[in-house]
C-alpha atoms as a PDB file:
ATOM      1  CA  UNK A   1      53.757 137.684  35.452  1.00  0.00           C
ATOM      2  CA  UNK A   2      51.825 136.273  38.433  1.00  0.00           C
ATOM      3  CA  UNK A   3      51.996 132.684  39.850  1.00  0.00           C
ATOM      4  CA  UNK A   4      48.714 131.022  40.285  1.00  0.00           C
ATOM      5  CA  UNK A   5      48.911 128.072  42.686  1.00  0.00           C
ATOM      6  CA  UNK A   6      46.208 125.518  42.766  1.00  0.00           C
ATOM      7  CA  UNK A   7      45.775 121.602  42.698  1.00  0.00           C
ATOM      8  CA  UNK A   8      42.423 120.140  42.919  1.00  0.00           C
ATOM      9  CA  UNK A   9      40.434 123.264  42.581  1.00  0.00           C
ATOM     10  CA  UNK A  10      39.733 124.806  38.937  1.00  0.00           C
ATOM     11  CA  UNK A  11      42.115 127.397  37.622  1.00  0.00           C
ATOM     12  CA  UNK A  12      40.221 130.903  38.204  1.00  0.00           C
ATOM     13  CA  UNK A  13      39.947 132.910  35.217  1.00  0.00           C
ATOM     14  CA  UNK A  14      38.943 136.349  34.806  1.00  0.00           C
ATOM     15  CA  UNK A  15      40.365 139.943  35.148  1.00  0.00           C
ATOM     16  CA  UNK A  16      42.105 139.497  38.330  1.00  0.00           C
ATOM     17  CA  UNK A  17      43.926 136.458  36.949  1.00  0.00           C
ATOM     18  CA  UNK A  18      44.443 137.546  33.267  1.00  0.00           C
ATOM     19  CA  UNK A  19      48.457 137.500  33.708  1.00  0.00           C
ATOM     20  CA  UNK A  20      48.803 134.587  35.816  1.00  0.00           C
ATOM     21  CA  UNK A  21      50.238 131.295  34.980  1.00  0.00           C
ATOM     22  CA  UNK A  22      49.827 127.837  37.154  1.00  0.00           C
ATOM     23  CA  UNK A  23      52.532 126.789  39.206  1.00  0.00           C
ATOM     24  CA  UNK A  24      52.725 123.775  41.608  1.00  0.00           C
ATOM     25  CA  UNK A  25      56.640 123.910  42.483  1.00  0.00           C
ATOM     26  CA  UNK A  26      59.037 126.107  43.975  1.00  0.00           C
ATOM     27  CA  UNK A  27      61.336 126.288  40.835  1.00  0.00           C
ATOM     28  CA  UNK A  28      58.252 127.744  39.022  1.00  0.00           C
ATOM     29  CA  UNK A  29      58.149 130.811  41.064  1.00  0.00           C
ATOM     30  CA  UNK A  30      61.402 132.052  39.436  1.00  0.00           C
ATOM     31  CA  UNK A  31      60.665 135.550  37.834  1.00  0.00           C
ATOM     32  CA  UNK A  32      57.186 135.894  39.174  1.00  0.00           C
ATOM     33  CA  UNK A  33      56.014 139.272  40.711  1.00  0.00           C
ATOM     34  CA  UNK A  34      53.199 137.596  42.796  1.00  0.00           C
ATOM     35  CA  UNK A  35      52.123 134.481  44.236  1.00  0.00           C
ATOM     36  CA  UNK A  36      48.256 133.801  44.372  1.00  0.00           C
ATOM     37  CA  UNK A  37      46.733 131.079  46.461  1.00  0.00           C
ATOM     38  CA  UNK A  38      42.995 130.565  45.694  1.00  0.00           C
ATOM     39  CA  UNK A  39      40.244 129.133  47.461  1.00  0.00           C
ATOM     40  CA  UNK A  40      38.994 125.543  48.034  1.00  0.00           C
ATOM     41  CA  UNK A  41      38.700 122.788  50.835  1.00  0.00           C
ATOM     42  CA  UNK A  42      39.624 123.316  54.140  1.00  0.00           C
ATOM     43  CA  UNK A  43      43.054 122.955  55.296  1.00  0.00           C
ATOM     44  CA  UNK A  44      44.376 120.692  57.368  1.00  0.00           C
ATOM     45  CA  UNK A  45      44.185 121.540  61.347  1.00  0.00           C
ATOM     46  CA  UNK A  46      47.418 120.262  61.883  1.00  0.00           C
ATOM     47  CA  UNK A  47      49.205 122.960  59.952  1.00  0.00           C
ATOM     48  CA  UNK A  48      47.776 125.359  62.708  1.00  0.00           C
ATOM     49  CA  UNK A  49      48.266 122.672  65.706  1.00  0.00           C
ATOM     50  CA  UNK A  50      44.624 121.946  66.102  1.00  0.00           C
ATOM     51  CA  UNK A  51      43.020 118.089  66.024  1.00  0.00           C
ATOM     52  CA  UNK A  52      40.277 117.627  63.485  1.00  0.00           C
ATOM     53  CA  UNK A  53      36.921 118.259  64.814  1.00  0.00           C
ATOM     54  CA  UNK A  54      34.825 120.631  62.812  1.00  0.00           C
ATOM     55  CA  UNK A  55      36.853 121.082  59.793  1.00  0.00           C
ATOM     56  CA  UNK A  56      36.276 119.218  56.711  1.00  0.00           C
ATOM     57  CA  UNK A  57      40.003 117.775  56.291  1.00  0.00           C
ATOM     58  CA  UNK A  58      42.406 115.352  57.054  1.00  0.00           C
ATOM     59  CA  UNK A  59      44.511 114.690  60.013  1.00  0.00           C
ATOM     60  CA  UNK A  60      47.893 115.384  58.068  1.00  0.00           C
ATOM     61  CA  UNK A  61      48.378 118.015  55.443  1.00  0.00           C
ATOM     62  CA  UNK A  62      46.910 117.083  52.093  1.00  0.00           C
ATOM     63  CA  UNK A  63      48.856 116.659  48.800  1.00  0.00           C
ATOM     64  CA  UNK A  64      47.373 120.318  47.955  1.00  0.00           C
ATOM     65  CA  UNK A  65      48.055 121.802  51.358  1.00  0.00           C
ATOM     66  CA  UNK A  66      51.918 120.316  51.086  1.00  0.00           C
ATOM     67  CA  UNK A  67      52.329 121.723  47.735  1.00  0.00           C
ATOM     68  CA  UNK A  68      51.043 125.411  48.882  1.00  0.00           C
ATOM     69  CA  UNK A  69      53.207 124.971  51.957  1.00  0.00           C
ATOM     70  CA  UNK A  70      56.222 124.575  49.922  1.00  0.00           C
ATOM     71  CA  UNK A  71      55.379 127.520  47.677  1.00  0.00           C
ATOM     72  CA  UNK A  72      54.682 129.937  50.336  1.00  0.00           C
ATOM     73  CA  UNK A  73      58.022 128.946  51.958  1.00  0.00           C
ATOM     74  CA  UNK A  74      59.836 129.454  48.524  1.00  0.00           C
ATOM     75  CA  UNK A  75      58.008 132.513  47.954  1.00  0.00           C
ATOM     76  CA  UNK A  76      59.138 134.186  51.472  1.00  0.00           C
ATOM     77  CA  UNK A  77      62.922 133.062  50.931  1.00  0.00           C
ATOM     78  CA  UNK A  78      62.720 134.848  47.354  1.00  0.00           C
ATOM     79  CA  UNK A  79      61.004 138.078  48.653  1.00  0.00           C
ATOM     80  CA  UNK A  80      57.966 137.137  46.265  1.00  0.00           C
ATOM     81  CA  UNK A  81      54.842 138.826  47.788  1.00  0.00           C
ATOM     82  CA  UNK A  82      51.622 136.430  48.168  1.00  0.00           C
ATOM     83  CA  UNK A  83      47.962 137.085  47.956  1.00  0.00           C
ATOM     84  CA  UNK A  84      45.633 134.580  49.627  1.00  0.00           C
ATOM     85  CA  UNK A  85      42.023 133.920  48.492  1.00  0.00           C
ATOM     86  CA  UNK A  86      39.606 132.182  51.123  1.00  0.00           C
ATOM     87  CA  UNK A  87      41.527 128.913  51.799  1.00  0.00           C
ATOM     88  CA  UNK A  88      44.765 130.891  50.735  1.00  0.00           C
ATOM     89  CA  UNK A  89      44.165 133.198  53.000  1.00  0.00           C
ATOM     90  CA  UNK A  90      43.720 130.867  55.844  1.00  0.00           C
ATOM     91  CA  UNK A  91      46.767 128.798  54.973  1.00  0.00           C
ATOM     92  CA  UNK A  92      48.960 132.149  55.134  1.00  0.00           C
ATOM     93  CA  UNK A  93      47.363 132.948  58.518  1.00  0.00           C
ATOM     94  CA  UNK A  94      48.219 129.405  59.832  1.00  0.00           C
ATOM     95  CA  UNK A  95      51.927 129.464  58.299  1.00  0.00           C
ATOM     96  CA  UNK A  96      52.369 132.915  59.539  1.00  0.00           C
ATOM     97  CA  UNK A  97      51.908 131.528  63.536  1.00  0.00           C
ATOM     98  CA  UNK A  98      48.107 132.489  63.559  1.00  0.00           C
ATOM     99  CA  UNK A  99      45.418 129.772  63.860  1.00  0.00           C
ATOM    100  CA  UNK A 100      41.759 129.401  62.557  1.00  0.00           C
ATOM    101  CA  UNK A 101      38.276 128.883  63.848  1.00  0.00           C
ATOM    102  CA  UNK A 102      37.198 125.446  62.402  1.00  0.00           C
ATOM    103  CA  UNK A 103      33.758 126.384  61.898  1.00  0.00           C
ATOM    104  CA  UNK A 104      31.679 129.946  61.702  1.00  0.00           C
ATOM    105  CA  UNK A 105      28.254 130.584  60.749  1.00  0.00           C
ATOM    106  CA  UNK A 106      26.756 133.031  58.337  1.00  0.00           C
ATOM    107  CA  UNK A 107      29.750 133.602  56.451  1.00  0.00           C
ATOM    108  CA  UNK A 108      28.159 132.120  53.102  1.00  0.00           C
ATOM    109  CA  UNK A 109      26.759 135.371  51.595  1.00  0.00           C
ATOM    110  CA  UNK A 110      27.388 139.237  50.855  1.00  0.00           C
ATOM    111  CA  UNK A 111      27.853 141.124  53.899  1.00  0.00           C
ATOM    112  CA  UNK A 112      29.264 144.717  54.541  1.00  0.00           C
ATOM    113  CA  UNK A 113      33.131 144.904  55.102  1.00  0.00           C
ATOM    114  CA  UNK A 114      34.626 147.964  57.235  1.00  0.00           C
ATOM    115  CA  UNK A 115      37.912 149.553  55.833  1.00  0.00           C
ATOM    116  CA  UNK A 116      38.859 152.850  57.427  1.00  0.00           C
ATOM    117  CA  UNK A 117      35.920 154.654  56.984  1.00  0.00           C
ATOM    118  CA  UNK A 118      34.365 153.172  54.299  1.00  0.00           C
ATOM    119  CA  UNK A 119      31.704 150.220  54.020  1.00  0.00           C
ATOM    120  CA  UNK A 120      32.301 148.167  50.777  1.00  0.00           C
ATOM    121  CA  UNK A 121      29.892 144.946  50.147  1.00  0.00           C
ATOM    122  CA  UNK A 122      31.927 141.604  49.750  1.00  0.00           C
ATOM    123  CA  UNK A 123      31.262 138.092  49.565  1.00  0.00           C
ATOM    124  CA  UNK A 124      31.819 134.641  51.447  1.00  0.00           C
ATOM    125  CA  UNK A 125      31.796 131.191  50.938  1.00  0.00           C
ATOM    126  CA  UNK A 126      33.489 129.709  54.005  1.00  0.00           C
ATOM    127  CA  UNK A 127      33.208 128.067  57.130  1.00  0.00           C
ATOM    128  CA  UNK A 128      36.489 128.887  58.636  1.00  0.00           C
ATOM    129  CA  UNK A 129      37.971 131.967  59.754  1.00  0.00           C
ATOM    130  CA  UNK A 130      41.284 133.337  60.376  1.00  0.00           C
ATOM    131  CA  UNK A 131      42.588 134.229  64.084  1.00  0.00           C
ATOM    132  CA  UNK A 132      45.382 136.575  63.200  1.00  0.00           C
ATOM    133  CA  UNK A 133      48.653 137.140  65.301  1.00  0.00           C
ATOM    134  CA  UNK A 134      49.131 140.649  66.917  1.00  0.00           C
ATOM    135  CA  UNK A 135      51.960 141.304  64.349  1.00  0.00           C
ATOM    136  CA  UNK A 136      49.120 140.875  61.546  1.00  0.00           C
ATOM    137  CA  UNK A 137      47.239 143.715  60.690  1.00  0.00           C
ATOM    138  CA  UNK A 138      43.410 143.600  60.096  1.00  0.00           C
ATOM    139  CA  UNK A 139      42.714 145.941  57.331  1.00  0.00           C
ATOM    140  CA  UNK A 140      38.927 144.973  56.563  1.00  0.00           C
ATOM    141  CA  UNK A 141      36.732 143.757  58.930  1.00  0.00           C
ATOM    142  CA  UNK A 142      32.866 142.555  59.608  1.00  0.00           C
ATOM    143  CA  UNK A 143      30.896 143.000  62.487  1.00  0.00           C
ATOM    144  CA  UNK A 144      30.174 139.944  64.320  1.00  0.00           C
ATOM    145  CA  UNK A 145      28.287 137.370  61.989  1.00  0.00           C
ATOM    146  CA  UNK A 146      28.876 134.380  63.908  1.00  0.00           C
ATOM    147  CA  UNK A 147      28.738 134.429  67.968  1.00  0.00           C
ATOM    148  CA  UNK A 148      29.620 131.020  68.356  1.00  0.00           C
ATOM    149  CA  UNK A 149      32.835 130.053  66.922  1.00  0.00           C
ATOM    150  CA  UNK A 150      33.983 126.456  66.866  1.00  0.00           C
ATOM    151  CA  UNK A 151      37.858 125.213  67.290  1.00  0.00           C
ATOM    152  CA  UNK A 152      39.115 121.458  68.228  1.00  0.00           C
ATOM    153  CA  UNK A 153      36.513 121.156  71.115  1.00  0.00           C
ATOM    154  CA  UNK A 154      32.728 120.222  70.516  1.00  0.00           C
ATOM    155  CA  UNK A 155      31.402 123.188  72.322  1.00  0.00           C
ATOM    156  CA  UNK A 156      31.741 126.519  70.550  1.00  0.00           C
ATOM    157  CA  UNK A 157      33.398 129.472  72.120  1.00  0.00           C
ATOM    158  CA  UNK A 158      31.083 132.664  72.357  1.00  0.00           C
ATOM    159  CA  UNK A 159      33.165 135.766  71.090  1.00  0.00           C
ATOM    160  CA  UNK A 160      31.340 138.918  69.784  1.00  0.00           C
ATOM    161  CA  UNK A 161      34.391 140.783  68.292  1.00  0.00           C
ATOM    162  CA  UNK A 162      34.682 142.202  64.819  1.00  0.00           C
ATOM    163  CA  UNK A 163      35.776 139.278  62.343  1.00  0.00           C
ATOM    164  CA  UNK A 164      38.640 139.667  60.125  1.00  0.00           C
ATOM    165  CA  UNK A 165      38.053 139.617  56.294  1.00  0.00           C
ATOM    166  CA  UNK A 166      41.211 141.020  55.062  1.00  0.00           C
ATOM    167  CA  UNK A 167      44.626 140.636  56.831  1.00  0.00           C
ATOM    168  CA  UNK A 168      48.112 142.175  55.873  1.00  0.00           C
ATOM    169  CA  UNK A 169      50.950 139.930  57.146  1.00  0.00           C
ATOM    170  CA  UNK A 170      54.327 142.263  56.911  1.00  0.00           C
ATOM    171  CA  UNK A 171      56.649 139.443  57.816  1.00  0.00           C
ATOM    172  CA  UNK A 172      55.412 137.594  54.767  1.00  0.00           C
ATOM    173  CA  UNK A 173      54.819 140.220  52.415  1.00  0.00           C
ATOM    174  CA  UNK A 174      51.240 138.770  52.055  1.00  0.00           C
ATOM    175  CA  UNK A 175      47.628 139.800  51.990  1.00  0.00           C
ATOM    176  CA  UNK A 176      44.969 137.216  53.034  1.00  0.00           C
ATOM    177  CA  UNK A 177      41.301 138.338  51.965  1.00  0.00           C
ATOM    178  CA  UNK A 178      38.806 135.842  53.218  1.00  0.00           C
ATOM    179  CA  UNK A 179      36.056 136.902  50.438  1.00  0.00           C
ATOM    180  CA  UNK A 180      36.220 136.049  46.435  1.00  0.00           C
ATOM    181  CA  UNK A 181      36.890 139.121  44.517  1.00  0.00           C
ATOM    182  CA  UNK A 182      37.523 136.874  41.677  1.00  0.00           C
ATOM    183  CA  UNK A 183      33.513 135.916  41.810  1.00  0.00           C
ATOM    184  CA  UNK A 184      32.243 139.751  41.887  1.00  0.00           C
ATOM    185  CA  UNK A 185      32.171 142.009  39.077  1.00  0.00           C
ATOM    186  CA  UNK A 186      35.535 143.897  38.057  1.00  0.00           C
ATOM    187  CA  UNK A 187      34.247 147.305  38.554  1.00  0.00           C
ATOM    188  CA  UNK A 188      32.752 146.523  42.130  1.00  0.00           C
ATOM    189  CA  UNK A 189      34.109 148.149  45.424  1.00  0.00           C
ATOM    190  CA  UNK A 190      35.332 144.828  46.930  1.00  0.00           C
ATOM    191  CA  UNK A 191      37.758 144.065  43.698  1.00  0.00           C
ATOM    192  CA  UNK A 192      38.864 147.546  43.506  1.00  0.00           C
ATOM    193  CA  UNK A 193      39.613 147.337  47.463  1.00  0.00           C
ATOM    194  CA  UNK A 194      41.660 144.054  46.762  1.00  0.00           C
ATOM    195  CA  UNK A 195      43.544 145.765  43.743  1.00  0.00           C
ATOM    196  CA  UNK A 196      44.584 148.777  45.688  1.00  0.00           C
ATOM    197  CA  UNK A 197      45.636 147.093  48.654  1.00  0.00           C
ATOM    198  CA  UNK A 198      47.851 144.644  46.554  1.00  0.00           C
ATOM    199  CA  UNK A 199      49.395 147.521  44.715  1.00  0.00           C
ATOM    200  CA  UNK A 200      49.695 149.775  47.967  1.00  0.00           C
ATOM    201  CA  UNK A 201      51.373 147.163  50.191  1.00  0.00           C
ATOM    202  CA  UNK A 202      52.489 144.384  47.902  1.00  0.00           C
ATOM    203  CA  UNK A 203      53.658 146.712  44.882  1.00  0.00           C
ATOM    204  CA  UNK A 204      52.111 144.706  42.382  1.00  0.00           C
ATOM    205  CA  UNK A 205      49.366 145.814  39.919  1.00  0.00           C
ATOM    206  CA  UNK A 206      46.446 143.122  39.398  1.00  0.00           C
END
């Protein structure tokens, strides 16, 4: 059984969520195989030690932020692996010691994701981006789509590096996926890649 965390966003349906139950408190994680954090509004920059400048969020964690922070901490304590989608990936990155760009450009459509020697078409619907720690492993990336990236300063940072799309966080037993596999066809390469990585790294079939 998969635990699917959400608060204000709609509960996701479809093949990737067919065995999921909604949870909002740590006791509900008991006996679950996987915690899934779905997409939604920006997380509070206070979680990754920045002021609100370009994020569409509050200076302090929202109710949903706090619910998901508590669930992630409980899942780590109980050894339950975690899959984060879009906002969920950003939350995991921040809680794992990483940071975020508060705004990036050109991540609102389909694009090529590089994974090892493969290229798959993924999707995006985000304006924030993970900045993983050195201990996290970038498994999938896209060539630079946003040369200008904004943090908590008015002026952008120019960075032409590859941009993370799928990040493995071994200390948390977690994978963060910046795109939305639940929006794509079940037999698409992107969905199948996410399913494969969840099986191989988190030992859970979805």
